[in-house]
């Protein structure tokens, strides 16, 4: 089972930007469709965005996320990124990466996550 380590979270004002990184080890992300997930307090974890192994196919969970977030993968660096712009208080959550659950089981152990807090 591969390992993941998310970073780049923080406290930001509404309208601000953050770039999350997810460094993988033990497995190559190039073998998997990958995704970012988030879990807000009191809510279930939800998928935010997914990207195919080649990067050719990208999907975002909602219209709002589609026009503010960008999922990026660098297979050479074995790292997944999430560029988040125009952040809103509703984006406050713990963010995680893993293989896309649309493609089967999770192939990595869940990492510690990156806390994103957006103040109004």
Protein backbone atom coordinates (compact mmCIF):
# COMPACT_ATOMS: atom_id res chain seq x y z
CA UNK A 1 0.00 0.00 0.00
CA UNK A 2 1.34 3.39 -0.92
CA UNK A 3 1.67 6.34 1.39
CA UNK A 4 0.47 9.92 0.89
CA UNK A 5 1.48 13.18 2.50
CA UNK A 6 -0.65 16.26 1.92
CA UNK A 7 0.66 19.78 2.51
CA UNK A 8 -0.05 23.40 1.68
CA UNK A 9 -3.15 23.99 3.76
CA UNK A 10 -3.69 27.03 5.92
CA UNK A 11 -5.93 29.88 7.00
CA UNK A 12 -6.93 32.27 4.25
CA UNK A 13 -9.49 35.00 3.79
CA UNK A 14 -12.39 34.53 1.40
CA UNK A 15 -11.23 35.24 -2.12
CA UNK A 16 -7.72 34.01 -1.42
CA UNK A 17 -5.78 31.13 -2.94
CA UNK A 18 -3.96 28.04 -1.76
CA UNK A 19 -2.04 25.29 -3.54
CA UNK A 20 -2.18 21.86 -1.99
CA UNK A 21 0.43 19.20 -2.68
CA UNK A 22 0.19 15.45 -2.21
CA UNK A 23 3.48 13.57 -2.29
CA UNK A 24 3.18 9.82 -2.82
CA UNK A 25 5.60 7.06 -1.88
CA UNK A 26 5.57 3.30 -2.13
CA UNK A 27 3.51 3.34 -5.32
CA UNK A 28 3.65 5.39 -8.49
CA UNK A 29 0.68 7.68 -9.01
CA UNK A 30 1.23 7.25 -12.74
CA UNK A 31 -0.45 3.86 -12.43
CA UNK A 32 -3.69 5.32 -11.08
CA UNK A 33 -6.45 7.77 -11.68
CA UNK A 34 -6.11 10.13 -8.73
CA UNK A 35 -8.42 12.46 -6.85
CA UNK A 36 -8.71 15.08 -4.17
CA UNK A 37 -11.30 14.65 -1.44
CA UNK A 38 -12.43 16.85 1.41
CA UNK A 39 -14.25 16.36 4.66
CA UNK A 40 -15.90 19.25 6.47
CA UNK A 41 -16.74 19.02 10.18
CA UNK A 42 -19.80 16.86 10.73
CA UNK A 43 -19.95 15.80 7.10
CA UNK A 44 -18.87 12.77 5.13
CA UNK A 45 -15.80 12.81 2.93
CA UNK A 46 -16.61 13.88 -0.62
CA UNK A 47 -14.68 13.88 -3.85
CA UNK A 48 -13.60 17.29 -5.12
CA UNK A 49 -11.81 16.53 -8.37
CA UNK A 50 -10.33 13.58 -10.23
CA UNK A 51 -7.71 13.20 -12.93
CA UNK A 52 -6.91 10.21 -15.11
CA UNK A 53 -3.49 8.56 -14.99
CA UNK A 54 -2.39 10.44 -18.12
CA UNK A 55 -3.96 13.72 -17.14
CA UNK A 56 -6.14 13.68 -20.23
CA UNK A 57 -9.44 13.40 -18.37
CA UNK A 58 -10.34 15.71 -15.50
CA UNK A 59 -13.60 15.94 -13.62
CA UNK A 60 -14.78 18.30 -10.91
CA UNK A 61 -17.55 17.46 -8.48
CA UNK A 62 -19.47 20.71 -8.73
CA UNK A 63 -19.85 23.69 -11.03
CA UNK A 64 -18.46 25.92 -8.31
CA UNK A 65 -15.29 23.88 -7.84
CA UNK A 66 -14.81 23.49 -11.58
CA UNK A 67 -14.45 27.24 -12.05
CA UNK A 68 -12.20 27.85 -9.06
CA UNK A 69 -10.02 24.76 -8.55
CA UNK A 70 -7.48 23.05 -10.80
CA UNK A 71 -6.23 19.50 -10.27
CA UNK A 72 -2.74 18.85 -11.60
CA UNK A 73 -0.50 15.81 -11.57
CA UNK A 74 3.25 15.52 -12.01
CA UNK A 75 3.98 11.84 -12.48
CA UNK A 76 7.72 12.45 -12.63
CA UNK A 77 7.60 13.96 -9.14
CA UNK A 78 4.99 11.41 -7.99
CA UNK A 79 2.95 14.36 -6.74
CA UNK A 80 -0.64 15.54 -7.10
CA UNK A 81 -1.65 19.18 -6.72
CA UNK A 82 -4.83 21.17 -6.18
CA UNK A 83 -4.74 24.86 -7.03
CA UNK A 84 -7.61 26.57 -5.26
CA UNK A 85 -8.59 30.13 -6.17
CA UNK A 86 -11.42 32.39 -5.04
CA UNK A 87 -11.79 30.36 -1.88
CA UNK A 88 -15.09 30.53 -0.01
CA UNK A 89 -15.92 29.76 3.63
CA UNK A 90 -17.80 26.69 2.36
CA UNK A 91 -14.46 25.28 1.18
CA UNK A 92 -13.30 24.93 4.78
CA UNK A 93 -12.44 21.26 5.28
CA UNK A 94 -9.66 18.75 5.65
CA UNK A 95 -8.37 17.89 2.19
CA UNK A 96 -7.02 14.46 1.25
CA UNK A 97 -5.73 12.82 -1.89
CA UNK A 98 -5.95 9.19 -2.95
CA UNK A 99 -6.68 7.11 -5.99
CA UNK A 100 -10.04 7.87 -7.54
CA UNK A 101 -12.84 5.80 -6.05
CA UNK A 102 -14.51 5.83 -9.46
CA UNK A 103 -11.74 3.45 -10.58
CA UNK A 104 -11.90 0.88 -7.82
CA UNK A 105 -10.52 0.57 -4.28
CA UNK A 106 -8.19 3.05 -2.65
CA UNK A 107 -4.64 2.03 -3.50
CA UNK A 108 -2.93 4.27 -0.95
CA UNK A 109 -3.20 4.60 2.78
CA UNK A 110 -4.90 7.84 3.73
CA UNK A 111 -2.49 10.60 4.64
CA UNK A 112 -2.84 13.13 7.45
CA UNK A 113 -4.68 15.59 5.22
CA UNK A 114 -4.26 19.32 4.79
CA UNK A 115 -6.53 21.64 6.76
CA UNK A 116 -8.00 24.50 4.74
CA UNK A 117 -9.81 27.19 6.68
CA UNK A 118 -11.43 30.08 4.85
CA UNK A 119 -12.57 33.06 6.90
CA UNK A 120 -15.32 35.41 5.75
